[in-house]
Structure formats: structure tokens, C-alpha cells
């Protein structure tokens, strides 16, 4: 990861390049909930959130595994070799591309 440091002074995280290689995301359905449900439950805050801009993001050789434990017989699906490339992704503007 490469950052632009000067924008940090203004509360803006500006990433020039972020490359993630061979990440694995494991999603598990546990009845009505998923194994990440506690991460998306929002907490109300009055603090200003930081702005984020990423000039170039690349995900290389990613894997997603989905396990369904809510079925009578557990099943797992996997998707391998996921590639993503995105440019100019930002909370400040909407001209990003992928």
C-alpha cells in the first residue's frame, strides 16, 4: 500500500495504490444470521467519518467460500481466482471505474 501523507492532515485517507493478493473470504450462514452480522450492526456516532480515496485498487487471486449451515445438510460453495481492478474510488466523488 502507498499513501499520500499530506491529505491525512485534513482527515482524508488517500491511498495511491492498494494491492491485495490471495485473500480468502469465508461466509457462513447460521440460520437467520451470518458470521459477520455483528460487524455490520451500526453504532451511532456523532464523530465525523474520515474521507477515503483509492487511486488504484487490485485484488489478485481471491477466494470466496460460502458455507450454509442453515440447510438440513450443510453445503459449501467456493469461487476461486477472483480478479478485481478499480480506479478512483472515493467517498468524495463518483467517477470511479472498475
C-alpha atoms as a PDB file:
ATOM      1  CA  UNK A   1       0.000   0.000   0.000  1.00  0.00           C
ATOM      2  CA  UNK A   2       1.209   3.508  -0.834  1.00  0.00           C
ATOM      3  CA  UNK A   3      -0.349   6.532   0.879  1.00  0.00           C
ATOM      4  CA  UNK A   4      -0.379  10.250   0.206  1.00  0.00           C
ATOM      5  CA  UNK A   5       0.585  11.729   3.560  1.00  0.00           C
ATOM      6  CA  UNK A   6      -0.386  15.410   3.251  1.00  0.00           C
ATOM      7  CA  UNK A   7      -4.176  14.773   2.987  1.00  0.00           C
ATOM      8  CA  UNK A   8      -4.053  12.983   6.380  1.00  0.00           C
ATOM      9  CA  UNK A   9      -3.726  16.415   7.988  1.00  0.00           C
ATOM     10  CA  UNK A  10      -7.212  17.258   6.646  1.00  0.00           C
ATOM     11  CA  UNK A  11      -8.697  13.916   7.743  1.00  0.00           C
ATOM     12  CA  UNK A  12      -8.575  12.394   4.269  1.00  0.00           C
ATOM     13  CA  UNK A  13      -7.011   8.975   3.783  1.00  0.00           C
ATOM     14  CA  UNK A  14      -5.662   8.961   0.226  1.00  0.00           C
ATOM     15  CA  UNK A  15      -4.261   5.636  -0.953  1.00  0.00           C
ATOM     16  CA  UNK A  16      -2.292   5.809  -4.182  1.00  0.00           C
ATOM     17  CA  UNK A  17      -2.217   2.047  -4.680  1.00  0.00           C
ATOM     18  CA  UNK A  18      -3.614  -0.905  -2.732  1.00  0.00           C
ATOM     19  CA  UNK A  19      -2.993  -4.448  -3.947  1.00  0.00           C
ATOM     20  CA  UNK A  20      -4.415  -7.434  -2.074  1.00  0.00           C
ATOM     21  CA  UNK A  21      -3.030 -10.817  -3.134  1.00  0.00           C
ATOM     22  CA  UNK A  22      -4.686 -14.182  -2.471  1.00  0.00           C
ATOM     23  CA  UNK A  23      -7.281 -13.082   0.098  1.00  0.00           C
ATOM     24  CA  UNK A  24      -9.792 -15.646   1.359  1.00  0.00           C
ATOM     25  CA  UNK A  25     -13.275 -14.592   2.468  1.00  0.00           C
ATOM     26  CA  UNK A  26     -15.297 -17.220   4.322  1.00  0.00           C
ATOM     27  CA  UNK A  27     -19.011 -16.529   4.736  1.00  0.00           C
ATOM     28  CA  UNK A  28     -21.133 -18.784   6.931  1.00  0.00           C
ATOM     29  CA  UNK A  29     -24.925 -18.676   7.148  1.00  0.00           C
ATOM     30  CA  UNK A  30     -26.036 -19.624  10.653  1.00  0.00           C
ATOM     31  CA  UNK A  31     -29.821 -19.801  10.403  1.00  0.00           C
ATOM     32  CA  UNK A  32     -31.113 -16.236  10.014  1.00  0.00           C
ATOM     33  CA  UNK A  33     -27.707 -14.638  10.627  1.00  0.00           C
ATOM     34  CA  UNK A  34     -24.310 -14.702   9.003  1.00  0.00           C
ATOM     35  CA  UNK A  35     -20.901 -14.974  10.688  1.00  0.00           C
ATOM     36  CA  UNK A  36     -20.278 -11.257  10.021  1.00  0.00           C
ATOM     37  CA  UNK A  37     -23.624  -9.880  11.271  1.00  0.00           C
ATOM     38  CA  UNK A  38     -22.021  -8.224  14.304  1.00  0.00           C
ATOM     39  CA  UNK A  39     -19.665  -6.280  12.014  1.00  0.00           C
ATOM     40  CA  UNK A  40     -22.442  -4.572  10.069  1.00  0.00           C
ATOM     41  CA  UNK A  41     -24.635  -3.673  13.036  1.00  0.00           C
ATOM     42  CA  UNK A  42     -24.055   0.064  13.139  1.00  0.00           C
ATOM     43  CA  UNK A  43     -23.181   2.010  16.216  1.00  0.00           C
ATOM     44  CA  UNK A  44     -24.471   5.561  16.243  1.00  0.00           C
ATOM     45  CA  UNK A  45     -21.689   8.109  16.481  1.00  0.00           C
ATOM     46  CA  UNK A  46     -21.536  11.867  16.242  1.00  0.00           C
ATOM     47  CA  UNK A  47     -17.917  11.912  15.122  1.00  0.00           C
ATOM     48  CA  UNK A  48     -17.134  12.888  11.539  1.00  0.00           C
ATOM     49  CA  UNK A  49     -16.060   9.906   9.473  1.00  0.00           C
ATOM     50  CA  UNK A  50     -12.833  10.080   7.509  1.00  0.00           C
ATOM     51  CA  UNK A  51     -12.953  10.553   3.757  1.00  0.00           C
ATOM     52  CA  UNK A  52     -11.161   7.860   1.761  1.00  0.00           C
ATOM     53  CA  UNK A  53      -9.838   7.885  -1.806  1.00  0.00           C
ATOM     54  CA  UNK A  54      -8.080   4.982  -3.523  1.00  0.00           C
ATOM     55  CA  UNK A  55      -6.403   5.806  -6.849  1.00  0.00           C
ATOM     56  CA  UNK A  56      -5.853   2.143  -7.774  1.00  0.00           C
ATOM     57  CA  UNK A  57      -7.173  -0.987  -6.055  1.00  0.00           C
ATOM     58  CA  UNK A  58      -6.395  -4.504  -7.224  1.00  0.00           C
ATOM     59  CA  UNK A  59      -7.497  -7.825  -5.803  1.00  0.00           C
ATOM     60  CA  UNK A  60      -5.497 -10.723  -7.235  1.00  0.00           C
ATOM     61  CA  UNK A  61      -6.324 -14.451  -6.965  1.00  0.00           C
ATOM     62  CA  UNK A  62      -9.094 -14.028  -4.390  1.00  0.00           C
ATOM     63  CA  UNK A  63     -11.257 -16.833  -2.998  1.00  0.00           C
ATOM     64  CA  UNK A  64     -14.766 -16.712  -1.537  1.00  0.00           C
ATOM     65  CA  UNK A  65     -16.184 -19.720   0.318  1.00  0.00           C
ATOM     66  CA  UNK A  66     -19.853 -19.747   1.308  1.00  0.00           C
ATOM     67  CA  UNK A  67     -20.953 -22.342   3.856  1.00  0.00           C
ATOM     68  CA  UNK A  68     -24.666 -22.783   4.514  1.00  0.00           C
ATOM     69  CA  UNK A  69     -25.266 -24.347   7.932  1.00  0.00           C
ATOM     70  CA  UNK A  70     -28.983 -23.471   7.880  1.00  0.00           C
ATOM     71  CA  UNK A  71     -29.770 -26.276   5.442  1.00  0.00           C
ATOM     72  CA  UNK A  72     -30.613 -29.749   6.771  1.00  0.00           C
ATOM     73  CA  UNK A  73     -27.407 -30.940   5.128  1.00  0.00           C
ATOM     74  CA  UNK A  74     -24.531 -28.412   5.216  1.00  0.00           C
ATOM     75  CA  UNK A  75     -23.287 -27.236   1.840  1.00  0.00           C
ATOM     76  CA  UNK A  76     -20.244 -25.235   0.784  1.00  0.00           C
ATOM     77  CA  UNK A  77     -19.694 -23.300  -2.456  1.00  0.00           C
ATOM     78  CA  UNK A  78     -16.336 -21.850  -3.458  1.00  0.00           C
ATOM     79  CA  UNK A  79     -15.305 -19.330  -6.089  1.00  0.00           C
ATOM     80  CA  UNK A  80     -11.585 -19.127  -6.861  1.00  0.00           C
ATOM     81  CA  UNK A  81      -9.278 -16.930  -8.920  1.00  0.00           C
ATOM     82  CA  UNK A  82     -11.297 -13.730  -8.394  1.00  0.00           C
ATOM     83  CA  UNK A  83      -9.697 -10.667 -10.007  1.00  0.00           C
ATOM     84  CA  UNK A  84     -10.822  -7.071  -9.401  1.00  0.00           C
ATOM     85  CA  UNK A  85      -9.257  -3.810 -10.547  1.00  0.00           C
ATOM     86  CA  UNK A  86     -10.740  -0.420  -9.661  1.00  0.00           C
ATOM     87  CA  UNK A  87      -9.576   3.175 -10.145  1.00  0.00           C
ATOM     88  CA  UNK A  88     -10.504   6.498  -8.499  1.00  0.00           C
ATOM     89  CA  UNK A  89     -12.762   5.047  -5.812  1.00  0.00           C
ATOM     90  CA  UNK A  90     -13.666   7.734  -3.284  1.00  0.00           C
ATOM     91  CA  UNK A  91     -16.175   8.838  -0.670  1.00  0.00           C
ATOM     92  CA  UNK A  92     -15.815  12.368  -2.108  1.00  0.00           C
ATOM     93  CA  UNK A  93     -16.689  11.796  -5.753  1.00  0.00           C
ATOM     94  CA  UNK A  94     -18.369   9.226  -8.007  1.00  0.00           C
ATOM     95  CA  UNK A  95     -16.108   8.962 -11.066  1.00  0.00           C
ATOM     96  CA  UNK A  96     -14.515   5.643 -10.116  1.00  0.00           C
ATOM     97  CA  UNK A  97     -14.164   2.768 -12.579  1.00  0.00           C
ATOM     98  CA  UNK A  98     -13.683  -0.949 -12.326  1.00  0.00           C
END
